[in-house]
């Protein structure tokens, strides 16, 4: 599909994307850019990328497709740096979990003849880095594409075909609805997991020694990259605060049942959640 792909951010997602694209024969050359030169050297030695550059614009020279897979807080800065190097017909996409106004900003930064199409593959791991990457990460995963009224149709079709080509199921969603949905189903659970681990530590540092599988399962995502989740949380903070208020309301309801010793009301609250969770599968 593409002669040359540039990946800006060769971590878990970027490296897995490169492995998958190479495995499926979707490109001939993959260039990389990142802040850690040693990581890039290892990625090249491992055959994940073919070349790398210390400058993002140089990595995007002659690229048919550019993937932004660094923390989302860096996207606009990177887009501004690479814009002069983008050739006519170049397509820029991303793997970030925040869209909304960020999509509009990235569209504005594209030079004439180059186009941005937002994407969010729902795939990942609580591990990070190229050592955790693999070509099957996206197989069967849902990828949300977030076109706008300004989206170039040819570029949109190419991005959809690309993500489908590496194994994703593709759905489309308005960028602003995307951010509200994923504040609820992804960003908020991470905040809860981070908060639960910190709260346990603050109560008593020794408590965590007795944590069983339930606690480990509930807080597994708290092992995720703090840098990545810092950027996601700040970028989607309005929706996230709304979701935090909704969760706090449920906490307050359960706390009132506990304070009143109302076992029946408590069981009913738990049962409602149980039934809703069972419907999820």
Protein backbone atom coordinates (compact mmCIF):
# COMPACT_ATOMS: atom_id res chain seq x y z
CA UNK A 1 0.00 0.00 0.00
CA UNK A 2 2.82 2.42 0.85
CA UNK A 3 6.37 2.68 -0.36
CA UNK A 4 7.58 4.48 2.78
CA UNK A 5 6.04 4.76 6.25
CA UNK A 6 7.37 7.02 9.00
CA UNK A 7 6.62 6.17 12.63
CA UNK A 8 7.01 8.97 15.14
CA UNK A 9 7.20 7.23 18.49
CA UNK A 10 8.64 3.71 18.30
CA UNK A 11 7.22 2.23 21.48
CA UNK A 12 4.72 -0.57 22.06
CA UNK A 13 2.12 0.74 19.61
CA UNK A 14 4.49 2.18 17.00
CA UNK A 15 6.73 -0.90 16.98
CA UNK A 16 3.76 -3.29 16.85
CA UNK A 17 2.32 -1.28 13.96
CA UNK A 18 5.65 -1.54 12.13
CA UNK A 19 5.84 -5.30 12.74
CA UNK A 20 2.26 -5.81 11.55
CA UNK A 21 2.66 -3.62 8.45
CA UNK A 22 5.84 -5.43 7.51
CA UNK A 23 4.32 -8.86 8.11
CA UNK A 24 1.36 -8.03 5.89
CA UNK A 25 3.56 -6.55 3.16
CA UNK A 26 1.95 -3.11 3.40
CA UNK A 27 5.15 -1.12 2.95
CA UNK A 28 8.72 -1.32 1.65
CA UNK A 29 10.58 0.97 4.04
CA UNK A 30 9.84 2.04 7.62
CA UNK A 31 11.65 5.01 9.13
CA UNK A 32 11.47 5.88 12.80
CA UNK A 33 11.81 8.86 15.07
CA UNK A 34 11.92 9.05 18.86
CA UNK A 35 13.63 10.81 21.72
CA UNK A 36 15.72 7.79 22.73
CA UNK A 37 18.47 7.07 20.19
CA UNK A 38 19.39 3.78 21.86
CA UNK A 39 15.79 2.58 21.56
CA UNK A 40 15.82 3.45 17.86
CA UNK A 41 19.11 1.63 17.32
CA UNK A 42 17.66 -1.46 19.00
CA UNK A 43 14.49 -1.19 16.91
CA UNK A 44 16.57 -1.14 13.74
CA UNK A 45 18.74 -4.04 14.92
CA UNK A 46 15.58 -6.03 15.68
CA UNK A 47 14.24 -5.38 12.18
CA UNK A 48 11.31 -3.33 13.43
CA UNK A 49 12.37 -0.26 11.44
CA UNK A 50 14.74 0.11 8.49
CA UNK A 51 16.18 3.51 9.41
CA UNK A 52 15.82 6.26 11.98
CA UNK A 53 16.41 9.98 12.28
CA UNK A 54 17.10 12.38 15.14
CA UNK A 55 14.81 14.93 13.48
CA UNK A 56 11.10 14.11 12.90
CA UNK A 57 10.99 16.05 9.63
CA UNK A 58 13.92 14.03 8.26
CA UNK A 59 12.15 10.79 9.23
CA UNK A 60 9.11 11.92 7.22
CA UNK A 61 11.04 12.84 4.09
CA UNK A 62 9.33 11.16 1.09
CA UNK A 63 6.94 9.29 3.44
CA UNK A 64 3.62 8.22 1.95
CA UNK A 65 2.18 7.66 5.40
CA UNK A 66 3.11 9.04 8.83
CA UNK A 67 1.93 7.47 12.09
CA UNK A 68 1.91 9.61 15.23
CA UNK A 69 2.36 7.11 18.07
CA UNK A 70 4.13 9.23 20.68
CA UNK A 71 2.24 10.59 23.73
CA UNK A 72 -0.71 12.69 22.50
CA UNK A 73 0.62 15.82 24.18
CA UNK A 74 3.41 15.88 21.59
CA UNK A 75 1.21 15.54 18.50
CA UNK A 76 0.75 19.20 17.58
CA UNK A 77 4.43 19.95 18.14
CA UNK A 78 5.45 17.03 15.95
CA UNK A 79 2.93 17.94 13.26
CA UNK A 80 4.26 21.48 13.12
CA UNK A 81 7.82 20.22 12.71
CA UNK A 82 7.07 17.68 9.98
CA UNK A 83 4.63 19.80 7.97
CA UNK A 84 7.31 21.39 5.73
CA UNK A 85 8.70 17.93 4.90
CA UNK A 86 5.40 16.30 3.95
CA UNK A 87 5.09 15.60 0.26
CA UNK A 88 1.92 16.16 -1.73
CA UNK A 89 -0.37 13.20 -1.20
CA UNK A 90 1.12 12.25 2.17
CA UNK A 91 -1.32 10.86 4.72
CA UNK A 92 -0.85 11.45 8.44
CA UNK A 93 -2.72 9.28 10.93
CA UNK A 94 -2.27 8.49 14.60
CA UNK A 95 -2.85 5.91 17.31
CA UNK A 96 -3.80 8.28 20.11
CA UNK A 97 -6.77 7.79 22.41
CA UNK A 98 -7.79 11.47 22.39
CA UNK A 99 -9.44 13.11 19.38
CA UNK A 100 -11.95 15.98 19.68
CA UNK A 101 -10.34 19.36 19.14
CA UNK A 102 -6.95 17.72 18.62
CA UNK A 103 -8.15 16.43 15.24
CA UNK A 104 -9.05 19.96 14.19
CA UNK A 105 -5.65 21.26 15.28
CA UNK A 106 -3.83 18.55 13.34
CA UNK A 107 -5.95 19.17 10.24
CA UNK A 108 -5.02 22.85 10.44
CA UNK A 109 -1.31 22.00 10.58
CA UNK A 110 -1.30 19.95 7.39
CA UNK A 111 0.33 21.63 4.36
CA UNK A 112 -1.54 21.79 1.03
CA UNK A 113 -1.83 18.33 -0.49
CA UNK A 114 -1.26 16.42 2.78
CA UNK A 115 -4.12 15.14 4.92
CA UNK A 116 -4.73 14.05 8.51
CA UNK A 117 -7.12 11.22 9.38
CA UNK A 118 -7.56 10.41 13.06
CA UNK A 119 -7.43 6.80 14.26
CA UNK A 120 -7.54 5.04 17.62
CA UNK A 121 -6.77 1.32 17.71
CA UNK A 122 -8.25 -0.21 20.87
CA UNK A 123 -5.22 -2.35 21.56
CA UNK A 124 -2.37 -2.21 24.00
CA UNK A 125 -0.82 -3.70 27.09
CA UNK A 126 0.14 -2.78 30.61
CA UNK A 127 3.69 -3.36 29.38
CA UNK A 128 5.44 -0.77 27.26
CA UNK A 129 8.36 -0.49 24.86
CA UNK A 130 9.58 -2.38 21.83
CA UNK A 131 10.27 -5.57 23.77
CA UNK A 132 6.53 -5.93 24.41
CA UNK A 133 5.63 -5.24 20.76
CA UNK A 134 4.38 -7.93 18.39
CA UNK A 135 2.78 -8.16 14.95
CA UNK A 136 -0.50 -9.61 16.26
CA UNK A 137 -1.31 -6.77 18.69
CA UNK A 138 -4.02 -5.35 16.43
CA UNK A 139 -5.50 -8.64 15.21
CA UNK A 140 -9.23 -8.55 15.89
CA UNK A 141 -8.99 -5.22 17.69
CA UNK A 142 -11.44 -2.42 17.09
CA UNK A 143 -9.99 0.72 15.50
CA UNK A 144 -12.01 3.93 15.68
CA UNK A 145 -11.54 6.25 12.69
CA UNK A 146 -12.63 9.84 13.33
CA UNK A 147 -13.25 11.62 10.01
CA UNK A 148 -14.55 15.18 9.79
CA UNK A 149 -16.22 17.23 7.08
CA UNK A 150 -12.72 18.26 5.99
CA UNK A 151 -11.40 14.71 5.54
CA UNK A 152 -9.99 13.81 2.14
CA UNK A 153 -11.90 10.77 0.86
CA UNK A 154 -8.91 9.07 -0.78
CA UNK A 155 -6.84 9.48 2.39
CA UNK A 156 -9.73 8.24 4.52
CA UNK A 157 -10.11 5.12 2.39
CA UNK A 158 -6.34 4.50 2.58
CA UNK A 159 -6.29 4.77 6.39
CA UNK A 160 -9.27 2.45 6.75
CA UNK A 161 -7.64 -0.10 4.43
CA UNK A 162 -4.36 0.20 6.35
CA UNK A 163 -5.86 -0.57 9.76
CA UNK A 164 -7.96 -3.35 8.30
CA UNK A 165 -4.82 -4.65 6.61
CA UNK A 166 -3.08 -5.17 9.95
CA UNK A 167 -6.08 -6.99 11.39
CA UNK A 168 -8.37 -4.36 12.89
CA UNK A 169 -12.13 -4.09 12.74
CA UNK A 170 -12.85 -0.49 11.77
CA UNK A 171 -15.65 1.76 13.01
CA UNK A 172 -16.21 5.47 12.46
CA UNK A 173 -17.08 8.03 15.10
CA UNK A 174 -17.31 11.79 15.47
CA UNK A 175 -14.07 13.02 17.15
CA UNK A 176 -15.89 14.74 20.02
CA UNK A 177 -18.18 11.79 20.72
CA UNK A 178 -15.07 9.61 20.67
CA UNK A 179 -13.57 11.55 23.58
CA UNK A 180 -16.72 11.33 25.68
CA UNK A 181 -17.08 7.59 25.05
CA UNK A 182 -13.47 6.78 25.87
CA UNK A 183 -13.36 9.02 28.90
CA UNK A 184 -16.00 6.63 30.26
CA UNK A 185 -14.79 3.23 29.10
CA UNK A 186 -11.00 3.70 29.09
CA UNK A 187 -9.67 6.86 30.67
CA UNK A 188 -11.81 6.70 33.81
CA UNK A 189 -10.88 3.06 34.61
CA UNK A 190 -7.21 4.05 34.48
CA UNK A 191 -7.84 6.94 36.90
CA UNK A 192 -9.65 4.54 39.24
CA UNK A 193 -6.78 2.04 39.09
CA UNK A 194 -4.12 4.69 39.75
CA UNK A 195 -6.17 6.11 42.61
CA UNK A 196 -6.84 2.72 44.21
CA UNK A 197 -3.15 1.80 44.29
CA UNK A 198 -2.18 5.18 45.75
CA UNK A 199 -4.98 5.05 48.32
CA UNK A 200 -3.91 1.59 49.50
CA UNK A 201 -0.31 2.74 49.84
CA UNK A 202 -1.36 5.86 51.76
CA UNK A 203 -3.49 3.84 54.18
CA UNK A 204 -0.67 1.46 55.03
CA UNK A 205 2.38 0.58 52.96
CA UNK A 206 2.20 -2.99 54.19
CA UNK A 207 -1.34 -3.66 52.92
CA UNK A 208 -0.24 -4.28 49.34
CA UNK A 209 1.75 -7.36 50.42
CA UNK A 210 -1.58 -9.11 50.96
CA UNK A 211 -3.15 -8.11 47.65
CA UNK A 212 -4.77 -11.08 45.95
CA UNK A 213 -5.82 -11.71 42.37
CA UNK A 214 -8.89 -9.49 42.63
CA UNK A 215 -6.80 -6.45 43.49
CA UNK A 216 -4.21 -7.36 40.87
CA UNK A 217 -6.88 -7.73 38.16
CA UNK A 218 -8.60 -4.49 39.16
CA UNK A 219 -5.40 -2.45 39.18
CA UNK A 220 -3.45 -4.12 36.34
CA UNK A 221 -3.74 -1.00 34.16
CA UNK A 222 -2.13 1.12 36.87
CA UNK A 223 1.15 -0.34 35.57
CA UNK A 224 0.65 1.62 32.33
CA UNK A 225 2.95 4.47 31.26
CA UNK A 226 2.47 7.54 33.52
CA UNK A 227 3.66 9.82 30.69
CA UNK A 228 1.09 8.52 28.24
CA UNK A 229 -1.75 8.72 30.74
CA UNK A 230 -0.69 12.18 31.90
CA UNK A 231 -1.15 13.46 28.35
CA UNK A 232 -4.42 11.59 27.79
CA UNK A 233 -5.90 12.87 31.06
CA UNK A 234 -4.94 16.50 30.44
CA UNK A 235 -6.09 16.40 26.81
CA UNK A 236 -9.50 14.94 27.72
CA UNK A 237 -9.87 16.57 31.11
CA UNK A 238 -13.36 18.06 30.67
CA UNK A 239 -14.92 14.70 29.80
CA UNK A 240 -12.83 12.94 32.43
CA UNK A 241 -13.94 15.30 35.19
CA UNK A 242 -17.56 14.65 34.18
CA UNK A 243 -16.99 10.90 34.46
CA UNK A 244 -15.22 11.29 37.81
CA UNK A 245 -18.25 13.15 39.16
CA UNK A 246 -20.50 10.32 37.95
CA UNK A 247 -18.33 7.71 39.69
CA UNK A 248 -18.14 9.82 42.86
CA UNK A 249 -21.95 9.91 42.89
CA UNK A 250 -22.05 6.10 42.86
CA UNK A 251 -19.42 5.96 45.63
CA UNK A 252 -21.53 8.35 47.71
CA UNK A 253 -24.63 6.18 47.24
CA UNK A 254 -22.80 3.06 48.42
CA UNK A 255 -21.24 4.97 51.31
CA UNK A 256 -24.70 6.08 52.48
CA UNK A 257 -25.96 2.48 52.33
CA UNK A 258 -22.96 1.38 54.42
CA UNK A 259 -23.36 4.16 56.97
CA UNK A 260 -27.05 3.30 57.33
CA UNK A 261 -26.34 -0.42 57.53
CA UNK A 262 -28.86 -0.92 54.72
CA UNK A 263 -27.89 -4.39 53.51
CA UNK A 264 -30.84 -4.67 51.12
CA UNK A 265 -30.04 -1.41 49.28
CA UNK A 266 -26.36 -2.34 49.15
CA UNK A 267 -27.11 -5.75 47.66
CA UNK A 268 -29.42 -4.15 45.08
CA UNK A 269 -26.67 -1.73 44.00
CA UNK A 270 -24.23 -4.61 43.65
CA UNK A 271 -26.78 -6.75 41.80
CA UNK A 272 -27.50 -4.01 39.27
CA UNK A 273 -23.79 -3.68 38.54
CA UNK A 274 -23.42 -7.48 38.33
CA UNK A 275 -26.19 -7.76 35.76
CA UNK A 276 -24.82 -4.91 33.65
CA UNK A 277 -21.33 -6.41 33.73
CA UNK A 278 -22.62 -9.86 32.76
CA UNK A 279 -24.30 -8.33 29.71
CA UNK A 280 -20.88 -7.08 28.61
CA UNK A 281 -19.61 -10.67 28.42
